[in-house]
Structure formats: C-alpha cells, structure tokens
Amino acid sequence: MDLSAIENQVREIVDEVGRLAKIKAGQIMVIGCSTSEVLGNHIGKAGSKDVAAAIYRGIRTAQEQLGFAVAFQCCEHLNRALVLERDTMERHGWDEVSVVPVPTAGGSMAAHAYLQMTDPVVVEHIQAHAGIDIGDTFIGMHLKHVAVPVRPSLRSVGEAHVTAASTRPKLIGGARAVYEVTPLTDSCT
C-alpha cells in the first residue's frame, strides 16, 4: 500500500469536505476510520499503525489550514467513544471517560491519534459540525442535527468507501416560516 497516496487522498478529502461544509475555526469534525478497510480487509480484522499514521498526517495538514478541531471515533469495542484534545472537551463541556484506546480496543486510528495529541482525552458523546467516515464506521451518532450529505470528489481512501456530512440547524415552523432574511422579510406587515 502506498502510504503517501493514502495521506494525499485523506488530505484532499478533509480539505474539500471542510470547505464544502463551511466548517469554521474551532468547530469540530469527527473522523471515523477503519484502517483494515483502507487495506481492503474486513473492518476490525487487519488494522495498521502505518496506515493510521498516514491518515493522521493527511488530516492534520488540512486541519492546520482550516482551523477546526478533530475528534477520532473509536471502534465498537469502546462503544464508539471519541479521542480529542482536552481543551476541545472543556470548551464544549463534555465529560471525560477513563480509557486509553489501543488497536484491539479502540482501533488503530484512534489509538494512533491518542498518542499524537498534546493532551488527549476520551469522551462518549459529541455533536460535531461535520464528519468523514472512512470504511463505513458509522459516525452519524456524533453529528449535530440535521446531517446533510457532502459528496467529496474522492469517494475512497485505499480500498475503503468514504462518506461525509455537514450539519445545519433544524428548520422549525410551519407553512409561514421563513428561513433566510430577504428584502421582503425585513418588516412584519
């Protein structure tokens, strides 16, 4: 597997999704990733630290340019908990849980991210502004309502299928509700 190609694919996807989702500095992008799927294997069966490192580098490059915070979803053995920086957790008022992800319980990607972060913590739930799912890991439970599909130009990393989403506020009201300010909505007559 060409690790530089994986890094470049991820960087391109994260950059494009961040721009399409209009993610702002400080907002959160959740990343779900199966390194096994990237290698063309069944999820959870052939994790790779080297693939995780390449993916992490690609994400970090785009993250540094766009300024968003990132949360890495663990595997089902840790109930899809998330690895993120302590300052992000504190800024959002989330609660830390006690666990350290490892490749066999958390997944290679989350375990690698945990070791790379400045002050990593694990939390059970977040509400991210956007997300990327590499290898069908199901990140939807960690997105704000309402999730909106984002279709990046690249639809795979290695052999893994990629999906992405942004979020928007819920549209509330009925037939008379207005969702954007226009010249006709500046008066209540």
N, C-alpha and C. Protein backbone atom coordinates (compact mmCIF):
# COMPACT_ATOMS: atom_id res chain seq x y z
N MET A 1 0.85 -1.18 0.00
CA MET A 1 0.00 0.00 0.00
C MET A 1 0.89 1.24 0.00
N ASP A 2 0.55 2.19 -0.84
CA ASP A 2 1.31 3.43 -0.97
C ASP A 2 0.84 4.42 0.10
N LEU A 3 1.61 4.55 1.18
CA LEU A 3 1.21 5.39 2.31
C LEU A 3 1.14 6.87 1.93
N SER A 4 2.01 7.33 1.06
CA SER A 4 1.94 8.74 0.65
C SER A 4 0.67 9.00 -0.15
N ALA A 5 0.23 8.03 -0.93
CA ALA A 5 -1.03 8.19 -1.68
C ALA A 5 -2.21 8.26 -0.71
N ILE A 6 -2.19 7.43 0.32
CA ILE A 6 -3.25 7.47 1.33
C ILE A 6 -3.26 8.82 2.03
N GLU A 7 -2.11 9.29 2.44
CA GLU A 7 -2.01 10.60 3.10
C GLU A 7 -2.57 11.70 2.21
N ASN A 8 -2.21 11.69 0.93
CA ASN A 8 -2.69 12.71 0.00
C ASN A 8 -4.19 12.61 -0.25
N GLN A 9 -4.70 11.39 -0.36
CA GLN A 9 -6.15 11.21 -0.55
C GLN A 9 -6.90 11.79 0.64
N VAL A 10 -6.44 11.46 1.84
CA VAL A 10 -7.11 11.94 3.05
C VAL A 10 -7.03 13.46 3.15
N ARG A 11 -5.85 14.02 2.90
CA ARG A 11 -5.70 15.47 2.95
C ARG A 11 -6.68 16.14 1.99
N GLU A 12 -6.77 15.62 0.77
CA GLU A 12 -7.67 16.19 -0.23
C GLU A 12 -9.13 16.09 0.20
N ILE A 13 -9.52 14.94 0.71
CA ILE A 13 -10.91 14.74 1.14
C ILE A 13 -11.25 15.64 2.31
N VAL A 14 -10.38 15.69 3.32
CA VAL A 14 -10.66 16.51 4.51
C VAL A 14 -10.71 17.98 4.13
N ASP A 15 -9.80 18.43 3.29
CA ASP A 15 -9.81 19.82 2.85
C ASP A 15 -11.11 20.13 2.09
N GLU A 16 -11.48 19.28 1.16
CA GLU A 16 -12.69 19.52 0.36
C GLU A 16 -13.95 19.49 1.23
N VAL A 17 -14.06 18.50 2.10
CA VAL A 17 -15.24 18.42 2.97
C VAL A 17 -15.28 19.63 3.90
N GLY A 18 -14.15 20.01 4.45
CA GLY A 18 -14.12 21.19 5.32
C GLY A 18 -14.61 22.43 4.61
N ARG A 19 -14.20 22.60 3.35
CA ARG A 19 -14.63 23.77 2.58
C ARG A 19 -16.10 23.68 2.16
N LEU A 20 -16.53 22.50 1.70
CA LEU A 20 -17.93 22.33 1.30
C LEU A 20 -18.88 22.46 2.50
N ALA A 21 -18.43 21.97 3.66
CA ALA A 21 -19.24 22.06 4.87
C ALA A 21 -19.15 23.45 5.52
N LYS A 22 -18.25 24.28 5.01
CA LYS A 22 -18.03 25.63 5.54
C LYS A 22 -17.71 25.58 7.03
N ILE A 23 -16.89 24.61 7.40
CA ILE A 23 -16.51 24.46 8.80
C ILE A 23 -15.62 25.63 9.20
N LYS A 24 -15.89 26.17 10.36
CA LYS A 24 -15.19 27.35 10.84
C LYS A 24 -14.14 26.95 11.88
N ALA A 25 -13.21 27.85 12.10
CA ALA A 25 -12.19 27.63 13.12
C ALA A 25 -12.87 27.33 14.45
N GLY A 26 -12.39 26.30 15.13
CA GLY A 26 -12.95 25.92 16.42
C GLY A 26 -14.10 24.93 16.35
N GLN A 27 -14.75 24.82 15.19
CA GLN A 27 -15.81 23.82 15.06
C GLN A 27 -15.17 22.43 14.99
N ILE A 28 -15.99 21.40 15.09
CA ILE A 28 -15.47 20.04 15.21
C ILE A 28 -15.82 19.18 14.01
N MET A 29 -14.81 18.45 13.54
CA MET A 29 -15.01 17.43 12.51
C MET A 29 -14.72 16.08 13.15
N VAL A 30 -15.68 15.17 13.08
CA VAL A 30 -15.49 13.82 13.58
C VAL A 30 -14.97 12.95 12.43
N ILE A 31 -14.00 12.10 12.75
CA ILE A 31 -13.42 11.19 11.78
C ILE A 31 -13.61 9.77 12.29
N GLY A 32 -14.27 8.96 11.48
CA GLY A 32 -14.36 7.53 11.74
C GLY A 32 -13.50 6.84 10.69
N CYS A 33 -12.70 5.87 11.09
CA CYS A 33 -11.79 5.28 10.12
C CYS A 33 -11.46 3.83 10.47
N SER A 34 -11.59 2.97 9.48
CA SER A 34 -11.12 1.60 9.60
C SER A 34 -9.88 1.44 8.73
N THR A 35 -8.73 1.30 9.37
CA THR A 35 -7.51 1.08 8.60
C THR A 35 -7.56 -0.28 7.91
N SER A 36 -8.28 -1.22 8.49
CA SER A 36 -8.47 -2.53 7.84
C SER A 36 -9.15 -2.37 6.49
N GLU A 37 -10.22 -1.57 6.46
CA GLU A 37 -10.95 -1.34 5.21
C GLU A 37 -10.08 -0.61 4.18
N VAL A 38 -9.27 0.32 4.64
CA VAL A 38 -8.36 1.03 3.73
C VAL A 38 -7.44 0.02 3.03
N LEU A 39 -7.06 -1.02 3.76
CA LEU A 39 -6.19 -2.06 3.19
C LEU A 39 -6.95 -3.11 2.40
N GLY A 40 -8.27 -2.99 2.33
CA GLY A 40 -9.08 -3.94 1.57
C GLY A 40 -9.52 -5.15 2.36
N ASN A 41 -9.42 -5.07 3.68
CA ASN A 41 -9.84 -6.17 4.55
C ASN A 41 -11.13 -5.82 5.27
N HIS A 42 -11.69 -6.80 5.96
CA HIS A 42 -12.92 -6.59 6.72
C HIS A 42 -12.64 -5.70 7.93
N ILE A 43 -13.54 -4.80 8.23
CA ILE A 43 -13.39 -3.88 9.35
C ILE A 43 -13.02 -4.64 10.63
N GLY A 44 -12.02 -4.14 11.32
CA GLY A 44 -11.61 -4.72 12.59
C GLY A 44 -10.74 -5.96 12.50
N LYS A 45 -10.32 -6.34 11.31
CA LYS A 45 -9.59 -7.61 11.17
C LYS A 45 -8.12 -7.45 10.80
N ALA A 46 -7.68 -6.28 10.34
CA ALA A 46 -6.30 -6.14 9.88
C ALA A 46 -5.80 -4.71 10.04
N GLY A 47 -6.01 -4.14 11.23
CA GLY A 47 -5.61 -2.76 11.47
C GLY A 47 -4.14 -2.52 11.22
N SER A 48 -3.81 -1.28 10.89
CA SER A 48 -2.43 -0.95 10.56
C SER A 48 -2.03 0.38 11.20
N LYS A 49 -0.96 0.33 12.00
CA LYS A 49 -0.42 1.55 12.59
C LYS A 49 0.16 2.47 11.51
N ASP A 50 0.77 1.89 10.48
CA ASP A 50 1.35 2.70 9.42
C ASP A 50 0.28 3.43 8.62
N VAL A 51 -0.82 2.76 8.33
CA VAL A 51 -1.93 3.40 7.62
C VAL A 51 -2.54 4.49 8.50
N ALA A 52 -2.71 4.20 9.79
CA ALA A 52 -3.23 5.20 10.72
C ALA A 52 -2.34 6.45 10.73
N ALA A 53 -1.03 6.26 10.74
CA ALA A 53 -0.10 7.39 10.75
C ALA A 53 -0.24 8.22 9.48
N ALA A 54 -0.37 7.58 8.33
CA ALA A 54 -0.53 8.30 7.07
C ALA A 54 -1.84 9.08 7.06
N ILE A 55 -2.90 8.47 7.52
CA ILE A 55 -4.20 9.14 7.58
C ILE A 55 -4.14 10.33 8.54
N TYR A 56 -3.53 10.13 9.68
CA TYR A 56 -3.40 11.20 10.65
C TYR A 56 -2.66 12.40 10.06
N ARG A 57 -1.57 12.14 9.36
CA ARG A 57 -0.81 13.24 8.74
C ARG A 57 -1.67 14.00 7.74
N GLY A 58 -2.45 13.29 6.94
CA GLY A 58 -3.32 13.95 5.97
C GLY A 58 -4.38 14.82 6.64
N ILE A 59 -4.96 14.30 7.72
CA ILE A 59 -5.97 15.06 8.46
C ILE A 59 -5.35 16.30 9.09
N ARG A 60 -4.20 16.13 9.74
CA ARG A 60 -3.54 17.26 10.41
C ARG A 60 -3.19 18.39 9.44
N THR A 61 -2.74 18.03 8.25
CA THR A 61 -2.39 19.06 7.27
C THR A 61 -3.62 19.92 6.95
N ALA A 62 -4.73 19.29 6.66
CA ALA A 62 -5.96 20.04 6.36
C ALA A 62 -6.48 20.77 7.59
N GLN A 63 -6.40 20.13 8.75
CA GLN A 63 -6.87 20.74 9.99
C GLN A 63 -6.10 22.02 10.29
N GLU A 64 -4.80 22.00 10.11
CA GLU A 64 -4.00 23.19 10.38
C GLU A 64 -4.35 24.33 9.45
N GLN A 65 -4.71 24.03 8.21
CA GLN A 65 -5.08 25.08 7.25
C GLN A 65 -6.45 25.67 7.56
N LEU A 66 -7.40 24.83 7.97
CA LEU A 66 -8.78 25.29 8.15
C LEU A 66 -9.11 25.66 9.59
N GLY A 67 -8.34 25.17 10.56
CA GLY A 67 -8.51 25.59 11.96
C GLY A 67 -9.59 24.88 12.75
N PHE A 68 -10.17 23.82 12.26
CA PHE A 68 -11.21 23.11 13.01
C PHE A 68 -10.56 22.16 14.03
N ALA A 69 -11.36 21.73 15.01
CA ALA A 69 -10.92 20.71 15.96
C ALA A 69 -11.33 19.35 15.39
N VAL A 70 -10.61 18.31 15.78
CA VAL A 70 -10.91 16.98 15.26
C VAL A 70 -11.16 16.02 16.41
N ALA A 71 -12.12 15.10 16.18
CA ALA A 71 -12.41 14.02 17.13
C ALA A 71 -12.35 12.71 16.36
N PHE A 72 -11.61 11.75 16.89
CA PHE A 72 -11.45 10.46 16.23
C PHE A 72 -12.34 9.43 16.93
N GLN A 73 -13.21 8.82 16.16
CA GLN A 73 -14.13 7.84 16.72
C GLN A 73 -13.41 6.50 16.94
N CYS A 74 -13.60 5.94 18.12
CA CYS A 74 -13.08 4.61 18.43
C CYS A 74 -14.00 3.55 17.82
N CYS A 75 -13.55 2.32 17.85
CA CYS A 75 -14.36 1.23 17.31
C CYS A 75 -15.44 0.81 18.30
N GLU A 76 -16.24 -0.15 17.89
CA GLU A 76 -17.37 -0.60 18.69
C GLU A 76 -16.96 -1.17 20.04
N HIS A 77 -15.72 -1.66 20.20
CA HIS A 77 -15.28 -2.22 21.47
C HIS A 77 -15.19 -1.17 22.57
N LEU A 78 -15.11 0.10 22.17
CA LEU A 78 -15.17 1.20 23.13
C LEU A 78 -16.44 2.01 22.92
N ASN A 79 -17.46 1.35 22.38
CA ASN A 79 -18.78 1.97 22.18
C ASN A 79 -18.72 3.24 21.34
N ARG A 80 -17.78 3.29 20.41
CA ARG A 80 -17.61 4.41 19.50
C ARG A 80 -17.36 5.73 20.24
N ALA A 81 -16.67 5.63 21.38
CA ALA A 81 -16.23 6.83 22.10
C ALA A 81 -15.28 7.61 21.20
N LEU A 82 -14.86 8.79 21.63
CA LEU A 82 -14.08 9.67 20.77
C LEU A 82 -12.83 10.19 21.46
N VAL A 83 -11.75 10.29 20.69
CA VAL A 83 -10.49 10.86 21.15
C VAL A 83 -10.41 12.29 20.64
N LEU A 84 -10.12 13.21 21.55
CA LEU A 84 -9.96 14.62 21.16
C LEU A 84 -9.06 15.31 22.17
N GLU A 85 -8.72 16.53 21.86
CA GLU A 85 -7.87 17.31 22.77
C GLU A 85 -8.68 17.78 23.98
N ARG A 86 -8.04 17.82 25.13
CA ARG A 86 -8.70 18.24 26.37
C ARG A 86 -9.34 19.63 26.25
N ASP A 87 -8.65 20.57 25.61
CA ASP A 87 -9.22 21.92 25.51
C ASP A 87 -10.52 21.92 24.71
N THR A 88 -10.65 21.06 23.72
CA THR A 88 -11.90 20.95 22.96
C THR A 88 -13.00 20.40 23.86
N MET A 89 -12.69 19.37 24.62
CA MET A 89 -13.65 18.79 25.55
C MET A 89 -14.14 19.85 26.55
N GLU A 90 -13.20 20.57 27.12
CA GLU A 90 -13.56 21.57 28.14
C GLU A 90 -14.36 22.72 27.55
N ARG A 91 -14.00 23.15 26.34
CA ARG A 91 -14.72 24.25 25.68
C ARG A 91 -16.19 23.88 25.46
N HIS A 92 -16.46 22.61 25.23
CA HIS A 92 -17.83 22.17 24.94
C HIS A 92 -18.55 21.59 26.16
N GLY A 93 -17.85 21.45 27.27
CA GLY A 93 -18.48 20.95 28.49
C GLY A 93 -18.79 19.46 28.47
N TRP A 94 -18.03 18.70 27.70
CA TRP A 94 -18.24 17.25 27.65
C TRP A 94 -17.51 16.59 28.80
N ASP A 95 -17.90 15.36 29.12
CA ASP A 95 -17.31 14.63 30.23
C ASP A 95 -16.30 13.60 29.74
N GLU A 96 -15.14 13.60 30.38
CA GLU A 96 -14.09 12.64 30.06
C GLU A 96 -14.45 11.28 30.65
N VAL A 97 -14.09 10.21 29.94
CA VAL A 97 -14.20 8.85 30.45
C VAL A 97 -12.80 8.27 30.57
N SER A 98 -12.65 7.24 31.39
CA SER A 98 -11.34 6.66 31.65
C SER A 98 -11.09 5.44 30.77
N VAL A 99 -10.33 5.63 29.72
CA VAL A 99 -9.90 4.54 28.85
C VAL A 99 -8.80 5.08 27.95
N VAL A 100 -7.90 4.22 27.56
CA VAL A 100 -6.88 4.55 26.58
C VAL A 100 -7.10 3.62 25.39
N PRO A 101 -7.43 4.16 24.22
CA PRO A 101 -7.64 3.28 23.07
C PRO A 101 -6.35 2.60 22.62
N VAL A 102 -6.47 1.35 22.26
CA VAL A 102 -5.37 0.56 21.70
C VAL A 102 -5.89 -0.06 20.42
N PRO A 103 -5.04 -0.55 19.55
CA PRO A 103 -5.52 -1.09 18.28
C PRO A 103 -6.61 -2.16 18.40
N THR A 104 -6.55 -3.00 19.44
CA THR A 104 -7.54 -4.07 19.58
C THR A 104 -8.79 -3.66 20.36
N ALA A 105 -8.79 -2.48 20.93
CA ALA A 105 -9.97 -1.95 21.63
C ALA A 105 -9.94 -0.44 21.49
N GLY A 106 -10.49 0.02 20.42
CA GLY A 106 -10.49 1.43 20.07
C GLY A 106 -10.16 1.62 18.61
N GLY A 107 -9.30 0.75 18.10
CA GLY A 107 -8.92 0.80 16.69
C GLY A 107 -7.58 1.48 16.48
N SER A 108 -6.92 1.11 15.40
CA SER A 108 -5.59 1.64 15.10
C SER A 108 -5.60 3.16 14.93
N MET A 109 -6.66 3.70 14.30
CA MET A 109 -6.70 5.14 14.06
C MET A 109 -6.84 5.91 15.37
N ALA A 110 -7.79 5.53 16.21
CA ALA A 110 -8.00 6.23 17.48
C ALA A 110 -6.78 6.06 18.39
N ALA A 111 -6.19 4.87 18.40
CA ALA A 111 -5.01 4.63 19.23
C ALA A 111 -3.85 5.51 18.78
N HIS A 112 -3.65 5.61 17.47
CA HIS A 112 -2.57 6.47 16.96
C HIS A 112 -2.84 7.94 17.29
N ALA A 113 -4.06 8.39 17.07
CA ALA A 113 -4.41 9.79 17.36
C ALA A 113 -4.17 10.11 18.83
N TYR A 114 -4.55 9.20 19.71
CA TYR A 114 -4.37 9.40 21.14
C TYR A 114 -2.90 9.66 21.48
N LEU A 115 -2.02 8.89 20.85
CA LEU A 115 -0.60 9.04 21.11
C LEU A 115 0.02 10.30 20.49
N GLN A 116 -0.63 10.86 19.48
CA GLN A 116 -0.10 12.04 18.79
C GLN A 116 -0.56 13.35 19.39
N MET A 117 -1.69 13.34 20.08
CA MET A 117 -2.28 14.58 20.57
C MET A 117 -1.49 15.16 21.74
N THR A 118 -1.61 16.45 21.94
CA THR A 118 -0.92 17.16 23.01
C THR A 118 -1.44 16.75 24.38
N ASP A 119 -2.75 16.76 24.56
CA ASP A 119 -3.38 16.41 25.83
C ASP A 119 -4.68 15.67 25.53
N PRO A 120 -4.56 14.39 25.12
CA PRO A 120 -5.74 13.65 24.66
C PRO A 120 -6.66 13.22 25.80
N VAL A 121 -7.93 13.18 25.48
CA VAL A 121 -8.95 12.63 26.38
C VAL A 121 -9.91 11.80 25.52
N VAL A 122 -10.71 11.01 26.19
CA VAL A 122 -11.76 10.25 25.52
C VAL A 122 -13.09 10.66 26.13
N VAL A 123 -14.07 10.91 25.27
CA VAL A 123 -15.42 11.23 25.69
C VAL A 123 -16.38 10.27 25.00
N GLU A 124 -17.59 10.14 25.56
CA GLU A 124 -18.56 9.20 24.98
C GLU A 124 -19.39 9.79 23.86
N HIS A 125 -19.73 11.07 23.97
CA HIS A 125 -20.65 11.68 23.00
C HIS A 125 -20.21 13.09 22.67
N ILE A 126 -20.37 13.46 21.41
CA ILE A 126 -20.17 14.84 20.98
C ILE A 126 -21.26 15.19 19.97
N GLN A 127 -21.27 16.43 19.55
CA GLN A 127 -22.12 16.88 18.46
C GLN A 127 -21.23 17.66 17.51
N ALA A 128 -20.70 16.97 16.52
CA ALA A 128 -19.77 17.57 15.57
C ALA A 128 -20.50 18.34 14.49
N HIS A 129 -19.81 19.30 13.92
CA HIS A 129 -20.36 20.14 12.85
C HIS A 129 -20.25 19.49 11.48
N ALA A 130 -19.31 18.56 11.35
CA ALA A 130 -19.10 17.84 10.09
C ALA A 130 -18.39 16.54 10.41
N GLY A 131 -18.35 15.65 9.43
CA GLY A 131 -17.68 14.39 9.68
C GLY A 131 -17.32 13.66 8.40
N ILE A 132 -16.33 12.80 8.53
CA ILE A 132 -15.90 11.95 7.42
C ILE A 132 -15.80 10.53 7.95
N ASP A 133 -16.35 9.61 7.19
CA ASP A 133 -16.36 8.21 7.55
C ASP A 133 -15.57 7.43 6.50
N ILE A 134 -14.44 6.90 6.90
CA ILE A 134 -13.57 6.14 6.01
C ILE A 134 -13.71 4.67 6.37
N GLY A 135 -14.42 3.92 5.54
CA GLY A 135 -14.58 2.49 5.79
C GLY A 135 -15.87 2.10 6.48
N ASP A 136 -16.90 2.93 6.36
CA ASP A 136 -18.24 2.60 6.87
C ASP A 136 -18.26 2.28 8.36
N THR A 137 -17.75 3.21 9.17
CA THR A 137 -17.69 3.02 10.61
C THR A 137 -18.88 3.63 11.35
N PHE A 138 -19.77 4.34 10.64
CA PHE A 138 -21.00 4.91 11.20
C PHE A 138 -20.76 6.01 12.23
N ILE A 139 -20.48 7.21 11.72
CA ILE A 139 -20.20 8.36 12.57
C ILE A 139 -21.45 9.18 12.90
N GLY A 140 -22.58 8.84 12.30
CA GLY A 140 -23.79 9.67 12.41
C GLY A 140 -24.22 9.99 13.83
N MET A 141 -23.96 9.09 14.76
CA MET A 141 -24.37 9.31 16.15
C MET A 141 -23.63 10.48 16.80
N HIS A 142 -22.57 10.96 16.15
CA HIS A 142 -21.78 12.04 16.72
C HIS A 142 -21.91 13.36 15.95
N LEU A 143 -22.90 13.45 15.07
CA LEU A 143 -23.13 14.67 14.32
C LEU A 143 -24.30 15.46 14.91
N LYS A 144 -24.22 16.78 14.81
CA LYS A 144 -25.35 17.62 15.20
C LYS A 144 -26.54 17.31 14.29
N HIS A 145 -27.72 17.64 14.77
CA HIS A 145 -28.90 17.57 13.90
C HIS A 145 -28.91 18.85 13.09
N VAL A 146 -29.11 18.88 11.89
CA VAL A 146 -29.51 17.87 10.94
C VAL A 146 -28.32 17.58 10.03
N ALA A 147 -28.01 16.30 9.80
CA ALA A 147 -26.88 15.93 8.94
C ALA A 147 -27.26 16.10 7.48
N VAL A 148 -26.33 16.65 6.70
CA VAL A 148 -26.53 16.88 5.28
C VAL A 148 -25.36 16.21 4.54
N PRO A 149 -25.65 15.32 3.59
CA PRO A 149 -24.56 14.66 2.88
C PRO A 149 -23.65 15.66 2.16
N VAL A 150 -22.36 15.39 2.21
CA VAL A 150 -21.36 16.12 1.45
C VAL A 150 -20.68 15.08 0.58
N ARG A 151 -20.57 15.36 -0.69
CA ARG A 151 -20.01 14.38 -1.61
C ARG A 151 -18.65 14.85 -2.14
N PRO A 152 -17.59 14.39 -1.48
CA PRO A 152 -16.25 14.79 -1.96
C PRO A 152 -15.95 14.16 -3.31
N SER A 153 -15.04 14.76 -4.04
CA SER A 153 -14.65 14.25 -5.35
C SER A 153 -14.08 12.83 -5.25
N LEU A 154 -13.24 12.61 -4.23
CA LEU A 154 -12.71 11.27 -3.99
C LEU A 154 -13.69 10.53 -3.09
N ARG A 155 -14.08 9.33 -3.48
CA ARG A 155 -15.05 8.55 -2.71
C ARG A 155 -14.43 7.35 -2.01
N SER A 156 -13.08 7.28 -2.04
CA SER A 156 -12.42 6.18 -1.35
C SER A 156 -11.03 6.61 -0.91
N VAL A 157 -10.55 5.92 0.13
CA VAL A 157 -9.16 6.03 0.58
C VAL A 157 -8.65 4.60 0.55
N GLY A 158 -7.64 4.37 -0.26
CA GLY A 158 -7.21 2.99 -0.47
C GLY A 158 -8.40 2.21 -0.99
N GLU A 159 -8.76 1.14 -0.28
CA GLU A 159 -9.91 0.32 -0.67
C GLU A 159 -11.18 0.66 0.11
N ALA A 160 -11.11 1.65 1.00
CA ALA A 160 -12.24 1.97 1.88
C ALA A 160 -13.19 2.99 1.25
N HIS A 161 -14.46 2.72 1.38
CA HIS A 161 -15.52 3.62 0.96
C HIS A 161 -15.54 4.85 1.88
N VAL A 162 -15.76 6.03 1.32
CA VAL A 162 -15.78 7.27 2.10
C VAL A 162 -17.13 7.96 1.94
N THR A 163 -17.71 8.36 3.07
CA THR A 163 -18.89 9.22 3.08
C THR A 163 -18.57 10.41 3.97
N ALA A 164 -19.32 11.48 3.80
CA ALA A 164 -19.09 12.69 4.59
C ALA A 164 -20.40 13.43 4.79
N ALA A 165 -20.42 14.30 5.80
CA ALA A 165 -21.62 15.08 6.08
C ALA A 165 -21.24 16.40 6.73
N SER A 166 -22.09 17.38 6.50
CA SER A 166 -22.05 18.61 7.27
C SER A 166 -23.35 18.63 8.08
N THR A 167 -23.56 19.67 8.83
CA THR A 167 -24.81 19.78 9.58
C THR A 167 -25.38 21.18 9.40
N ARG A 168 -26.64 21.30 9.68
CA ARG A 168 -27.31 22.60 9.65
C ARG A 168 -28.30 22.65 10.81
N PRO A 169 -28.69 23.85 11.22
CA PRO A 169 -29.71 23.95 12.26
C PRO A 169 -31.03 23.36 11.77
N LYS A 170 -31.84 22.88 12.69
CA LYS A 170 -33.16 22.37 12.35
C LYS A 170 -34.01 23.50 11.79
N LEU A 171 -34.80 23.21 10.78
CA LEU A 171 -35.77 24.16 10.26
C LEU A 171 -37.06 23.95 11.05
N ILE A 172 -37.51 24.98 11.75
CA ILE A 172 -38.72 24.84 12.54
C ILE A 172 -39.79 25.76 12.01
N GLY A 173 -41.03 25.51 12.37
CA GLY A 173 -42.14 26.35 11.94
C GLY A 173 -43.04 25.61 10.98
N GLY A 174 -43.95 26.32 10.42
CA GLY A 174 -44.91 25.73 9.51
C GLY A 174 -44.87 26.42 8.17
N ALA A 175 -46.02 26.45 7.53
CA ALA A 175 -46.13 26.99 6.17
C ALA A 175 -45.70 28.45 6.08
N ARG A 176 -45.82 29.21 7.15
CA ARG A 176 -45.48 30.63 7.10
C ARG A 176 -44.05 30.92 7.55
N ALA A 177 -43.31 29.92 7.94
CA ALA A 177 -41.94 30.11 8.43
C ALA A 177 -41.03 30.57 7.30
N VAL A 178 -40.06 31.39 7.66
CA VAL A 178 -39.06 31.91 6.72
C VAL A 178 -37.70 31.52 7.26
N TYR A 179 -36.80 31.10 6.37
CA TYR A 179 -35.51 30.59 6.81
C TYR A 179 -34.33 31.45 6.40
N GLU A 180 -34.53 32.47 5.58
CA GLU A 180 -33.46 33.37 5.20
C GLU A 180 -34.00 34.79 5.17
N VAL A 181 -33.18 35.75 5.55
CA VAL A 181 -33.57 37.16 5.53
C VAL A 181 -33.47 37.64 4.08
N THR A 182 -34.56 38.19 3.59
CA THR A 182 -34.60 38.80 2.26
C THR A 182 -35.20 40.19 2.41
N PRO A 183 -35.15 41.01 1.36
CA PRO A 183 -35.75 42.35 1.47
C PRO A 183 -37.22 42.31 1.86
N LEU A 184 -37.92 41.24 1.55
CA LEU A 184 -39.36 41.16 1.89
C LEU A 184 -39.59 40.77 3.33
N THR A 185 -38.59 40.24 4.04
CA THR A 185 -38.78 39.80 5.42
C THR A 185 -38.29 40.82 6.44
N ASP A 186 -37.89 42.01 5.98
CA ASP A 186 -37.37 42.96 6.96
C ASP A 186 -38.47 43.76 7.67
N SER A 187 -39.70 43.52 7.32
CA SER A 187 -40.81 44.13 8.07
C SER A 187 -41.83 43.06 8.41
N CYS A 188 -42.59 43.30 9.43
CA CYS A 188 -43.57 42.29 9.89
C CYS A 188 -44.98 42.68 9.48
N THR A 189 -45.18 43.29 8.33
CA THR A 189 -46.52 43.68 7.91
C THR A 189 -47.16 42.69 7.02
